[in-house]
Amino acid sequence: MIGDRIKRVREIKGYSQEYLADSLNISQSAYSDLENNKTKLGLNRLQKIADALDTDIIEFMSSNITFSDNQKGGVANNAYVINQLSNQLKEQYEIRLKEKGDIIEMLKSQLLSK
């Protein structure tokens, strides 16, 4: 679920729930509810979370996010890799947006010609 993905990115970035809650101007318990999928996330709130985590909102939507936690000399070298599907999703969304924009322009021109 999306709350789980947000939690994993937050942990990899090394942020606490309190930090994210403060960034979003909500209580820590309200933020915890978001991560535990107890509260529905609106698109605006999801974008604010993505901004606070310095990531893209689409990364939360993709189920193909893989994480690795490499330990070397006692220092955590956390990294995450977004699967190729994420880039493909972005391309598909861009194509769909362009198609929708073309349809809107066509409908506008039909309305203006009447």
PDB file of N, CA and C in Angstrom:
ATOM      1  N   MET A   1       0.838  -1.179   0.000  1.00  0.00           N
ATOM      2  CA  MET A   1       0.000   0.000   0.000  1.00  0.00           C
ATOM      3  C   MET A   1       0.885   1.246   0.000  1.00  0.00           C
ATOM      4  N   ILE A   2       0.291   2.344  -0.328  1.00  0.00           N
ATOM      5  CA  ILE A   2       1.052   3.574  -0.516  1.00  0.00           C
ATOM      6  C   ILE A   2       1.709   4.054   0.778  1.00  0.00           C
ATOM      7  N   GLY A   3       1.039   3.855   1.913  1.00  0.00           N
ATOM      8  CA  GLY A   3       1.631   4.246   3.196  1.00  0.00           C
ATOM      9  C   GLY A   3       2.921   3.492   3.480  1.00  0.00           C
ATOM     10  N   ASP A   4       2.939   2.213   3.102  1.00  0.00           N
ATOM     11  CA  ASP A   4       4.145   1.405   3.283  1.00  0.00           C
ATOM     12  C   ASP A   4       5.298   1.938   2.439  1.00  0.00           C
ATOM     13  N   ARG A   5       4.995   2.353   1.213  1.00  0.00           N
ATOM     14  CA  ARG A   5       6.037   2.885   0.326  1.00  0.00           C
ATOM     15  C   ARG A   5       6.577   4.212   0.856  1.00  0.00           C
ATOM     16  N   ILE A   6       5.680   5.036   1.371  1.00  0.00           N
ATOM     17  CA  ILE A   6       6.103   6.317   1.950  1.00  0.00           C
ATOM     18  C   ILE A   6       7.020   6.055   3.146  1.00  0.00           C
ATOM     19  N   LYS A   7       6.635   5.109   3.997  1.00  0.00           N
ATOM     20  CA  LYS A   7       7.432   4.787   5.182  1.00  0.00           C
ATOM     21  C   LYS A   7       8.828   4.318   4.784  1.00  0.00           C
ATOM     22  N   ARG A   8       8.916   3.459   3.773  1.00  0.00           N
ATOM     23  CA  ARG A   8      10.221   2.931   3.359  1.00  0.00           C
ATOM     24  C   ARG A   8      11.119   4.042   2.831  1.00  0.00           C
ATOM     25  N   VAL A   9      10.551   4.943   2.023  1.00  0.00           N
ATOM     26  CA  VAL A   9      11.361   6.055   1.508  1.00  0.00           C
ATOM     27  C   VAL A   9      11.793   6.955   2.662  1.00  0.00           C
ATOM     28  N   ARG A  10      10.875   7.247   3.595  1.00  0.00           N
ATOM     29  CA  ARG A  10      11.214   8.079   4.757  1.00  0.00           C
ATOM     30  C   ARG A  10      12.358   7.470   5.559  1.00  0.00           C
ATOM     31  N   GLU A  11      12.277   6.172   5.800  1.00  0.00           N
ATOM     32  CA  GLU A  11      13.318   5.503   6.573  1.00  0.00           C
ATOM     33  C   GLU A  11      14.658   5.513   5.843  1.00  0.00           C
ATOM     34  N   ILE A  12      14.623   5.300   4.544  1.00  0.00           N
ATOM     35  CA  ILE A  12      15.862   5.308   3.762  1.00  0.00           C
ATOM     36  C   ILE A  12      16.493   6.698   3.765  1.00  0.00           C
ATOM     37  N   LYS A  13      15.656   7.719   3.716  1.00  0.00           N
ATOM     38  CA  LYS A  13      16.171   9.088   3.757  1.00  0.00           C
ATOM     39  C   LYS A  13      16.653   9.466   5.158  1.00  0.00           C
ATOM     40  N   GLY A  14      16.294   8.664   6.165  1.00  0.00           N
ATOM     41  CA  GLY A  14      16.741   8.925   7.529  1.00  0.00           C
ATOM     42  C   GLY A  14      15.898   9.936   8.278  1.00  0.00           C
ATOM     43  N   TYR A  15      14.658  10.159   7.831  1.00  0.00           N
ATOM     44  CA  TYR A  15      13.776  11.116   8.492  1.00  0.00           C
ATOM     45  C   TYR A  15      12.894  10.411   9.515  1.00  0.00           C
ATOM     46  N   SER A  16      12.579  11.103  10.580  1.00  0.00           N
ATOM     47  CA  SER A  16      11.659  10.572  11.587  1.00  0.00           C
ATOM     48  C   SER A  16      10.229  10.942  11.198  1.00  0.00           C
ATOM     49  N   GLN A  17       9.289  10.248  11.809  1.00  0.00           N
ATOM     50  CA  GLN A  17       7.888  10.609  11.591  1.00  0.00           C
ATOM     51  C   GLN A  17       7.621  12.031  12.082  1.00  0.00           C
ATOM     52  N   GLU A  18       8.261  12.398  13.191  1.00  0.00           N
ATOM     53  CA  GLU A  18       8.072  13.739  13.742  1.00  0.00           C
ATOM     54  C   GLU A  18       8.523  14.811  12.750  1.00  0.00           C
ATOM     55  N   TYR A  19       9.652  14.565  12.095  1.00  0.00           N
ATOM     56  CA  TYR A  19      10.165  15.525  11.120  1.00  0.00           C
ATOM     57  C   TYR A  19       9.172  15.708   9.978  1.00  0.00           C
ATOM     58  N   LEU A  20       8.681  14.583   9.437  1.00  0.00           N
ATOM     59  CA  LEU A  20       7.727  14.674   8.326  1.00  0.00           C
ATOM     60  C   LEU A  20       6.427  15.316   8.780  1.00  0.00           C
ATOM     61  N   ALA A  21       5.967  14.963   9.975  1.00  0.00           N
ATOM     62  CA  ALA A  21       4.736  15.547  10.500  1.00  0.00           C
ATOM     63  C   ALA A  21       4.883  17.067  10.614  1.00  0.00           C
ATOM     64  N   ASP A  22       6.018  17.528  11.145  1.00  0.00           N
ATOM     65  CA  ASP A  22       6.273  18.969  11.243  1.00  0.00           C
ATOM     66  C   ASP A  22       6.292  19.618   9.867  1.00  0.00           C
ATOM     67  N   SER A  23       6.905  18.948   8.893  1.00  0.00           N
ATOM     68  CA  SER A  23       6.966  19.477   7.528  1.00  0.00           C
ATOM     69  C   SER A  23       5.578  19.626   6.918  1.00  0.00           C
ATOM     70  N   LEU A  24       4.658  18.745   7.330  1.00  0.00           N
ATOM     71  CA  LEU A  24       3.302  18.755   6.780  1.00  0.00           C
ATOM     72  C   LEU A  24       2.316  19.522   7.662  1.00  0.00           C
ATOM     73  N   ASN A  25       2.809  20.055   8.777  1.00  0.00           N
ATOM     74  CA  ASN A  25       1.965  20.774   9.739  1.00  0.00           C
ATOM     75  C   ASN A  25       0.828  19.910  10.275  1.00  0.00           C
ATOM     76  N   ILE A  26       1.165  18.656  10.600  1.00  0.00           N
ATOM     77  CA  ILE A  26       0.201  17.756  11.215  1.00  0.00           C
ATOM     78  C   ILE A  26       0.880  17.096  12.419  1.00  0.00           C
ATOM     79  N   SER A  27       0.076  16.436  13.249  1.00  0.00           N
ATOM     80  CA  SER A  27       0.655  15.753  14.414  1.00  0.00           C
ATOM     81  C   SER A  27       1.369  14.483  13.975  1.00  0.00           C
ATOM     82  N   GLN A  28       2.254  14.010  14.848  1.00  0.00           N
ATOM     83  CA  GLN A  28       2.971  12.767  14.562  1.00  0.00           C
ATOM     84  C   GLN A  28       1.987  11.614  14.457  1.00  0.00           C
ATOM     85  N   SER A  29       0.958  11.598  15.289  1.00  0.00           N
ATOM     86  CA  SER A  29      -0.011  10.496  15.238  1.00  0.00           C
ATOM     87  C   SER A  29      -0.822  10.529  13.944  1.00  0.00           C
ATOM     88  N   ALA A  30      -1.136  11.733  13.450  1.00  0.00           N
ATOM     89  CA  ALA A  30      -1.835  11.843  12.165  1.00  0.00           C
ATOM     90  C   ALA A  30      -0.943  11.346  11.033  1.00  0.00           C
ATOM     91  N   TYR A  31       0.358  11.679  11.122  1.00  0.00           N
ATOM     92  CA  TYR A  31       1.295  11.199  10.103  1.00  0.00           C
ATOM     93  C   TYR A  31       1.417   9.678  10.172  1.00  0.00           C
ATOM     94  N   SER A  32       1.479   9.128  11.377  1.00  0.00           N
ATOM     95  CA  SER A  32       1.564   7.676  11.560  1.00  0.00           C
ATOM     96  C   SER A  32       0.359   6.983  10.914  1.00  0.00           C
ATOM     97  N   ASP A  33      -0.812   7.588  11.065  1.00  0.00           N
ATOM     98  CA  ASP A  33      -2.016   7.032  10.438  1.00  0.00           C
ATOM     99  C   ASP A  33      -1.887   6.985   8.917  1.00  0.00           C
ATOM    100  N   LEU A  34      -1.212   7.985   8.337  1.00  0.00           N
ATOM    101  CA  LEU A  34      -0.995   7.986   6.886  1.00  0.00           C
ATOM    102  C   LEU A  34      -0.114   6.804   6.468  1.00  0.00           C
ATOM    103  N   GLU A  35       0.980   6.608   7.188  1.00  0.00           N
ATOM    104  CA  GLU A  35       1.894   5.512   6.867  1.00  0.00           C
ATOM    105  C   GLU A  35       1.258   4.147   7.108  1.00  0.00           C
ATOM    106  N   ASN A  36       0.356   4.063   8.057  1.00  0.00           N
ATOM    107  CA  ASN A  36      -0.296   2.797   8.377  1.00  0.00           C
ATOM    108  C   ASN A  36      -1.599   2.596   7.603  1.00  0.00           C
ATOM    109  N   ASN A  37      -1.797   3.440   6.592  1.00  0.00           N
ATOM    110  CA  ASN A  37      -2.955   3.332   5.693  1.00  0.00           C
ATOM    111  C   ASN A  37      -4.292   3.422   6.429  1.00  0.00           C
ATOM    112  N   LYS A  38      -4.306   4.155   7.541  1.00  0.00           N
ATOM    113  CA  LYS A  38      -5.543   4.356   8.291  1.00  0.00           C
ATOM    114  C   LYS A  38      -6.286   5.600   7.813  1.00  0.00           C
ATOM    115  N   THR A  39      -5.592   6.455   7.069  1.00  0.00           N
ATOM    116  CA  THR A  39      -6.149   7.689   6.549  1.00  0.00           C
ATOM    117  C   THR A  39      -5.956   7.709   5.051  1.00  0.00           C
ATOM    118  N   LYS A  40      -6.997   8.097   4.345  1.00  0.00           N
ATOM    119  CA  LYS A  40      -6.875   8.208   2.898  1.00  0.00           C
ATOM    120  C   LYS A  40      -6.042   9.431   2.555  1.00  0.00           C
ATOM    121  N   LEU A  41      -5.180   9.255   1.564  1.00  0.00           N
ATOM    122  CA  LEU A  41      -4.309  10.346   1.132  1.00  0.00           C
ATOM    123  C   LEU A  41      -4.882  11.021  -0.098  1.00  0.00           C
ATOM    124  N   GLY A  42      -5.036  12.332  -0.020  1.00  0.00           N
ATOM    125  CA  GLY A  42      -5.413  13.096  -1.191  1.00  0.00           C
ATOM    126  C   GLY A  42      -4.177  13.400  -2.023  1.00  0.00           C
ATOM    127  N   LEU A  43      -4.395  13.775  -3.250  1.00  0.00           N
ATOM    128  CA  LEU A  43      -3.282  14.050  -4.146  1.00  0.00           C
ATOM    129  C   LEU A  43      -2.433  15.215  -3.643  1.00  0.00           C
ATOM    130  N   ASN A  44      -3.058  16.244  -3.097  1.00  0.00           N
ATOM    131  CA  ASN A  44      -2.297  17.389  -2.578  1.00  0.00           C
ATOM    132  C   ASN A  44      -1.391  16.977  -1.420  1.00  0.00           C
ATOM    133  N   ARG A  45      -1.909  16.190  -0.490  1.00  0.00           N
ATOM    134  CA  ARG A  45      -1.120  15.734   0.660  1.00  0.00           C
ATOM    135  C   ARG A  45       0.013  14.826   0.177  1.00  0.00           C
ATOM    136  N   LEU A  46      -0.296  13.952  -0.787  1.00  0.00           N
ATOM    137  CA  LEU A  46       0.726  13.052  -1.316  1.00  0.00           C
ATOM    138  C   LEU A  46       1.852  13.842  -1.977  1.00  0.00           C
ATOM    139  N   GLN A  47       1.500  14.911  -2.688  1.00  0.00           N
ATOM    140  CA  GLN A  47       2.523  15.751  -3.315  1.00  0.00           C
ATOM    141  C   GLN A  47       3.379  16.443  -2.261  1.00  0.00           C
ATOM    142  N   LYS A  48       2.768  16.894  -1.170  1.00  0.00           N
ATOM    143  CA  LYS A  48       3.528  17.533  -0.096  1.00  0.00           C
ATOM    144  C   LYS A  48       4.498  16.549   0.559  1.00  0.00           C
ATOM    145  N   ILE A  49       4.056  15.302   0.714  1.00  0.00           N
ATOM    146  CA  ILE A  49       4.939  14.276   1.276  1.00  0.00           C
ATOM    147  C   ILE A  49       6.102  14.023   0.331  1.00  0.00           C
ATOM    148  N   ALA A  50       5.803  13.904  -0.964  1.00  0.00           N
ATOM    149  CA  ALA A  50       6.860  13.684  -1.959  1.00  0.00           C
ATOM    150  C   ALA A  50       7.856  14.837  -1.934  1.00  0.00           C
ATOM    151  N   ASP A  51       7.360  16.066  -1.831  1.00  0.00           N
ATOM    152  CA  ASP A  51       8.254  17.229  -1.775  1.00  0.00           C
ATOM    153  C   ASP A  51       9.132  17.174  -0.522  1.00  0.00           C
ATOM    154  N   ALA A  52       8.529  16.836   0.613  1.00  0.00           N
ATOM    155  CA  ALA A  52       9.294  16.768   1.869  1.00  0.00           C
ATOM    156  C   ALA A  52      10.362  15.677   1.811  1.00  0.00           C
ATOM    157  N   LEU A  53      10.085  14.614   1.064  1.00  0.00           N
ATOM    158  CA  LEU A  53      11.042  13.517   0.934  1.00  0.00           C
ATOM    159  C   LEU A  53      11.944  13.683  -0.282  1.00  0.00           C
ATOM    160  N   ASP A  54      11.790  14.806  -0.979  1.00  0.00           N
ATOM    161  CA  ASP A  54      12.593  15.101  -2.166  1.00  0.00           C
ATOM    162  C   ASP A  54      12.544  13.944  -3.166  1.00  0.00           C
ATOM    163  N   THR A  55      11.319  13.540  -3.471  1.00  0.00           N
ATOM    164  CA  THR A  55      11.110  12.447  -4.418  1.00  0.00           C
ATOM    165  C   THR A  55       9.917  12.777  -5.299  1.00  0.00           C
ATOM    166  N   ASP A  56       9.632  11.931  -6.259  1.00  0.00           N
ATOM    167  CA  ASP A  56       8.536  12.144  -7.192  1.00  0.00           C
ATOM    168  C   ASP A  56       7.314  11.368  -6.736  1.00  0.00           C
ATOM    169  N   ILE A  57       6.158  11.957  -6.866  1.00  0.00           N
ATOM    170  CA  ILE A  57       4.905  11.343  -6.428  1.00  0.00           C
ATOM    171  C   ILE A  57       4.659  10.001  -7.110  1.00  0.00           C
ATOM    172  N   ILE A  58       5.117   9.859  -8.344  1.00  0.00           N
ATOM    173  CA  ILE A  58       4.899   8.620  -9.097  1.00  0.00           C
ATOM    174  C   ILE A  58       5.624   7.452  -8.446  1.00  0.00           C
ATOM    175  N   GLU A  59       6.712   7.725  -7.748  1.00  0.00           N
ATOM    176  CA  GLU A  59       7.443   6.653  -7.074  1.00  0.00           C
ATOM    177  C   GLU A  59       6.597   5.973  -6.007  1.00  0.00           C
ATOM    178  N   PHE A  60       5.654   6.709  -5.414  1.00  0.00           N
ATOM    179  CA  PHE A  60       4.768   6.112  -4.417  1.00  0.00           C
ATOM    180  C   PHE A  60       3.695   5.250  -5.071  1.00  0.00           C
ATOM    181  N   MET A  61       3.409   5.524  -6.331  1.00  0.00           N
ATOM    182  CA  MET A  61       2.348   4.810  -7.034  1.00  0.00           C
ATOM    183  C   MET A  61       2.836   3.487  -7.612  1.00  0.00           C
ATOM    184  N   SER A  62       4.115   3.384  -7.911  1.00  0.00           N
ATOM    185  CA  SER A  62       4.658   2.186  -8.530  1.00  0.00           C
ATOM    186  C   SER A  62       4.863   1.102  -7.484  1.00  0.00           C
ATOM    187  N   SER A  63       4.424  -0.096  -7.823  1.00  0.00           N
ATOM    188  CA  SER A  63       4.619  -1.214  -6.899  1.00  0.00           C
ATOM    189  C   SER A  63       5.965  -1.886  -7.120  1.00  0.00           C
ATOM    190  N   ASN A  64       6.755  -1.374  -8.050  1.00  0.00           N
ATOM    191  CA  ASN A  64       8.024  -2.003  -8.389  1.00  0.00           C
ATOM    192  C   ASN A  64       9.206  -1.212  -7.864  1.00  0.00           C
ATOM    193  N   ILE A  65       9.135  -0.792  -6.629  1.00  0.00           N
ATOM    194  CA  ILE A  65      10.243  -0.102  -5.993  1.00  0.00           C
ATOM    195  C   ILE A  65      11.028  -1.146  -5.202  1.00  0.00           C
ATOM    196  N   THR A  66      12.328  -1.195  -5.415  1.00  0.00           N
ATOM    197  CA  THR A  66      13.149  -2.125  -4.666  1.00  0.00           C
ATOM    198  C   THR A  66      14.114  -1.334  -3.812  1.00  0.00           C
ATOM    199  N   PHE A  67      14.400  -1.845  -2.652  1.00  0.00           N
ATOM    200  CA  PHE A  67      15.266  -1.160  -1.713  1.00  0.00           C
ATOM    201  C   PHE A  67      16.413  -2.073  -1.325  1.00  0.00           C
ATOM    202  N   SER A  68      17.546  -1.466  -1.039  1.00  0.00           N
ATOM    203  CA  SER A  68      18.652  -2.244  -0.507  1.00  0.00           C
ATOM    204  C   SER A  68      19.278  -1.469   0.634  1.00  0.00           C
ATOM    205  N   ASP A  69      19.788  -2.191   1.594  1.00  0.00           N
ATOM    206  CA  ASP A  69      20.429  -1.574   2.740  1.00  0.00           C
ATOM    207  C   ASP A  69      21.784  -2.246   2.881  1.00  0.00           C
ATOM    208  N   ASN A  70      22.814  -1.590   2.381  1.00  0.00           N
ATOM    209  CA  ASN A  70      24.157  -2.166   2.403  1.00  0.00           C
ATOM    210  C   ASN A  70      24.920  -1.650   3.617  1.00  0.00           C
ATOM    211  N   GLN A  71      25.525  -2.550   4.368  1.00  0.00           N
ATOM    212  CA  GLN A  71      26.313  -2.175   5.535  1.00  0.00           C
ATOM    213  C   GLN A  71      27.793  -2.324   5.204  1.00  0.00           C
ATOM    214  N   LYS A  72      28.569  -1.290   5.486  1.00  0.00           N
ATOM    215  CA  LYS A  72      30.017  -1.354   5.290  1.00  0.00           C
ATOM    216  C   LYS A  72      30.667  -0.649   6.470  1.00  0.00           C
ATOM    217  N   GLY A  73      31.455  -1.375   7.213  1.00  0.00           N
ATOM    218  CA  GLY A  73      32.197  -0.777   8.320  1.00  0.00           C
ATOM    219  C   GLY A  73      31.316  -0.120   9.354  1.00  0.00           C
ATOM    220  N   GLY A  74      30.101  -0.640   9.561  1.00  0.00           N
ATOM    221  CA  GLY A  74      29.201  -0.086  10.558  1.00  0.00           C
ATOM    222  C   GLY A  74      28.452   1.152  10.102  1.00  0.00           C
ATOM    223  N   VAL A  75      28.698   1.603   8.878  1.00  0.00           N
ATOM    224  CA  VAL A  75      27.996   2.784   8.365  1.00  0.00           C
ATOM    225  C   VAL A  75      26.968   2.322   7.348  1.00  0.00           C
ATOM    226  N   ALA A  76      25.729   2.720   7.540  1.00  0.00           N
ATOM    227  CA  ALA A  76      24.677   2.318   6.609  1.00  0.00           C
ATOM    228  C   ALA A  76      24.815   3.117   5.326  1.00  0.00           C
ATOM    229  N   ASN A  77      24.860   2.419   4.235  1.00  0.00           N
ATOM    230  CA  ASN A  77      24.874   3.045   2.917  1.00  0.00           C
ATOM    231  C   ASN A  77      23.549   2.711   2.264  1.00  0.00           C
ATOM    232  N   ASN A  78      22.514   3.482   2.624  1.00  0.00           N
ATOM    233  CA  ASN A  78      21.171   3.196   2.138  1.00  0.00           C
ATOM    234  C   ASN A  78      20.995   3.736   0.730  1.00  0.00           C
ATOM    235  N   ALA A  79      20.375   2.919  -0.090  1.00  0.00           N
ATOM    236  CA  ALA A  79      20.089   3.345  -1.452  1.00  0.00           C
ATOM    237  C   ALA A  79      18.815   2.675  -1.908  1.00  0.00           C
ATOM    238  N   TYR A  80      18.126   3.317  -2.784  1.00  0.00           N
ATOM    239  CA  TYR A  80      16.969   2.659  -3.374  1.00  0.00           C
ATOM    240  C   TYR A  80      16.998   2.863  -4.878  1.00  0.00           C
ATOM    241  N   VAL A  81      16.504   1.867  -5.553  1.00  0.00           N
ATOM    242  CA  VAL A  81      16.516   1.869  -7.010  1.00  0.00           C
ATOM    243  C   VAL A  81      15.089   1.739  -7.489  1.00  0.00           C
ATOM    244  N   ILE A  82      14.685   2.650  -8.313  1.00  0.00           N
ATOM    245  CA  ILE A  82      13.349   2.591  -8.878  1.00  0.00           C
ATOM    246  C   ILE A  82      13.416   1.743 -10.133  1.00  0.00           C
ATOM    247  N   ASN A  83      12.557   0.750 -10.209  1.00  0.00           N
ATOM    248  CA  ASN A  83      12.529  -0.159 -11.344  1.00  0.00           C
ATOM    249  C   ASN A  83      12.212   0.603 -12.628  1.00  0.00           C
ATOM    250  N   GLN A  84      12.599   0.041 -13.757  1.00  0.00           N
ATOM    251  CA  GLN A  84      12.345   0.649 -15.060  1.00  0.00           C
ATOM    252  C   GLN A  84      10.874   0.950 -15.263  1.00  0.00           C
ATOM    253  N   LEU A  85      10.006   0.189 -14.637  1.00  0.00           N
ATOM    254  CA  LEU A  85       8.588   0.405 -14.811  1.00  0.00           C
ATOM    255  C   LEU A  85       8.187   1.819 -14.434  1.00  0.00           C
ATOM    256  N   SER A  86       8.857   2.399 -13.434  1.00  0.00           N
ATOM    257  CA  SER A  86       8.548   3.763 -13.024  1.00  0.00           C
ATOM    258  C   SER A  86       8.745   4.738 -14.173  1.00  0.00           C
ATOM    259  N   ASN A  87       9.853   4.616 -14.908  1.00  0.00           N
ATOM    260  CA  ASN A  87      10.081   5.486 -16.065  1.00  0.00           C
ATOM    261  C   ASN A  87       9.062   5.220 -17.155  1.00  0.00           C
ATOM    262  N   GLN A  88       8.698   3.961 -17.343  1.00  0.00           N
ATOM    263  CA  GLN A  88       7.689   3.627 -18.339  1.00  0.00           C
ATOM    264  C   GLN A  88       6.339   4.226 -17.952  1.00  0.00           C
ATOM    265  N   LEU A  89       6.013   4.202 -16.650  1.00  0.00           N
ATOM    266  CA  LEU A  89       4.766   4.813 -16.200  1.00  0.00           C
ATOM    267  C   LEU A  89       4.755   6.306 -16.484  1.00  0.00           C
ATOM    268  N   LYS A  90       5.884   6.969 -16.228  1.00  0.00           N
ATOM    269  CA  LYS A  90       5.974   8.397 -16.504  1.00  0.00           C
ATOM    270  C   LYS A  90       5.730   8.674 -17.980  1.00  0.00           C
ATOM    271  N   GLU A  91       6.357   7.879 -18.837  1.00  0.00           N
ATOM    272  CA  GLU A  91       6.176   8.060 -20.280  1.00  0.00           C
ATOM    273  C   GLU A  91       4.725   7.829 -20.680  1.00  0.00           C
ATOM    274  N   GLN A  92       4.093   6.808 -20.126  1.00  0.00           N
ATOM    275  CA  GLN A  92       2.695   6.538 -20.433  1.00  0.00           C
ATOM    276  C   GLN A  92       1.794   7.676 -19.977  1.00  0.00           C
ATOM    277  N   TYR A  93       2.066   8.218 -18.785  1.00  0.00           N
ATOM    278  CA  TYR A  93       1.267   9.346 -18.299  1.00  0.00           C
ATOM    279  C   TYR A  93       1.444  10.564 -19.193  1.00  0.00           C
ATOM    280  N   GLU A  94       2.672  10.817 -19.638  1.00  0.00           N
ATOM    281  CA  GLU A  94       2.915  11.954 -20.526  1.00  0.00           C
ATOM    282  C   GLU A  94       2.178  11.774 -21.853  1.00  0.00           C
ATOM    283  N   ILE A  95       2.179  10.560 -22.380  1.00  0.00           N
ATOM    284  CA  ILE A  95       1.457  10.293 -23.631  1.00  0.00           C
ATOM    285  C   ILE A  95      -0.040  10.501 -23.429  1.00  0.00           C
ATOM    286  N   ARG A  96      -0.560   9.981 -22.330  1.00  0.00           N
ATOM    287  CA  ARG A  96      -1.997  10.152 -22.045  1.00  0.00           C
ATOM    288  C   ARG A  96      -2.357  11.618 -21.877  1.00  0.00           C
ATOM    289  N   LEU A  97      -1.511  12.375 -21.173  1.00  0.00           N
ATOM    290  CA  LEU A  97      -1.780  13.805 -20.991  1.00  0.00           C
ATOM    291  C   LEU A  97      -1.800  14.542 -22.326  1.00  0.00           C
ATOM    292  N   LYS A  98      -0.861  14.206 -23.209  1.00  0.00           N
ATOM    293  CA  LYS A  98      -0.831  14.831 -24.528  1.00  0.00           C
ATOM    294  C   LYS A  98      -2.085  14.484 -25.311  1.00  0.00           C
ATOM    295  N   GLU A  99      -2.498  13.222 -25.264  1.00  0.00           N
ATOM    296  CA  GLU A  99      -3.713  12.803 -25.964  1.00  0.00           C
ATOM    297  C   GLU A  99      -4.928  13.550 -25.425  1.00  0.00           C
ATOM    298  N   LYS A 100      -5.016  13.662 -24.112  1.00  0.00           N
ATOM    299  CA  LYS A 100      -6.141  14.388 -23.495  1.00  0.00           C
ATOM    300  C   LYS A 100      -6.113  15.862 -23.900  1.00  0.00           C
ATOM    301  N   GLY A 101      -4.921  16.450 -23.930  1.00  0.00           N
ATOM    302  CA  GLY A 101      -4.784  17.841 -24.359  1.00  0.00           C
ATOM    303  C   GLY A 101      -5.236  18.033 -25.796  1.00  0.00           C
ATOM    304  N   ASP A 102      -4.884  17.081 -26.666  1.00  0.00           N
ATOM    305  CA  ASP A 102      -5.317  17.143 -28.070  1.00  0.00           C
ATOM    306  C   ASP A 102      -6.837  17.061 -28.178  1.00  0.00           C
ATOM    307  N   ILE A 103      -7.448  16.194 -27.386  1.00  0.00           N
ATOM    308  CA  ILE A 103      -8.909  16.060 -27.391  1.00  0.00           C
ATOM    309  C   ILE A 103      -9.562  17.348 -26.914  1.00  0.00           C
ATOM    310  N   ILE A 104      -9.020  17.946 -25.867  1.00  0.00           N
ATOM    311  CA  ILE A 104      -9.565  19.205 -25.339  1.00  0.00           C
ATOM    312  C   ILE A 104      -9.488  20.294 -26.401  1.00  0.00           C
ATOM    313  N   GLU A 105      -8.353  20.397 -27.077  1.00  0.00           N
ATOM    314  CA  GLU A 105      -8.209  21.411 -28.133  1.00  0.00           C
ATOM    315  C   GLU A 105      -9.201  21.174 -29.259  1.00  0.00           C
ATOM    316  N   MET A 106      -9.407  19.916 -29.647  1.00  0.00           N
ATOM    317  CA  MET A 106     -10.358  19.602 -30.705  1.00  0.00           C
ATOM    318  C   MET A 106     -11.776  19.994 -30.284  1.00  0.00           C
ATOM    319  N   LEU A 107     -12.147  19.681 -29.047  1.00  0.00           N
ATOM    320  CA  LEU A 107     -13.476  20.016 -28.557  1.00  0.00           C
ATOM    321  C   LEU A 107     -13.668  21.528 -28.463  1.00  0.00           C
ATOM    322  N   LYS A 108     -12.632  22.242 -28.049  1.00  0.00           N
ATOM    323  CA  LYS A 108     -12.699  23.710 -27.991  1.00  0.00           C
ATOM    324  C   LYS A 108     -12.940  24.278 -29.383  1.00  0.00           C
ATOM    325  N   SER A 109     -12.214  23.772 -30.365  1.00  0.00           N
ATOM    326  CA  SER A 109     -12.368  24.305 -31.723  1.00  0.00           C
ATOM    327  C   SER A 109     -13.756  23.983 -32.271  1.00  0.00           C
ATOM    328  N   GLN A 110     -14.303  22.814 -31.907  1.00  0.00           N
ATOM    329  CA  GLN A 110     -15.662  22.480 -32.348  1.00  0.00           C
ATOM    330  C   GLN A 110     -16.671  23.416 -31.708  1.00  0.00           C
ATOM    331  N   LEU A 111     -16.489  23.751 -30.442  1.00  0.00           N
ATOM    332  CA  LEU A 111     -17.409  24.658 -29.760  1.00  0.00           C
ATOM    333  C   LEU A 111     -17.333  26.069 -30.361  1.00  0.00           C
ATOM    334  N   LEU A 112     -16.140  26.524 -30.675  1.00  0.00           N
ATOM    335  CA  LEU A 112     -15.966  27.863 -31.210  1.00  0.00           C
ATOM    336  C   LEU A 112     -16.503  27.986 -32.625  1.00  0.00           C
ATOM    337  N   SER A 113     -16.538  26.876 -33.362  1.00  0.00           N
ATOM    338  CA  SER A 113     -17.000  26.943 -34.749  1.00  0.00           C
ATOM    339  C   SER A 113     -18.517  26.898 -34.849  1.00  0.00           C
ATOM    340  N   LYS A 114     -19.219  26.681 -33.757  1.00  0.00           N
ATOM    341  CA  LYS A 114     -20.695  26.621 -33.790  1.00  0.00           C
ATOM    342  C   LYS A 114     -21.307  27.961 -33.591  1.00  0.00           C
TER     343      LYS A 114
END
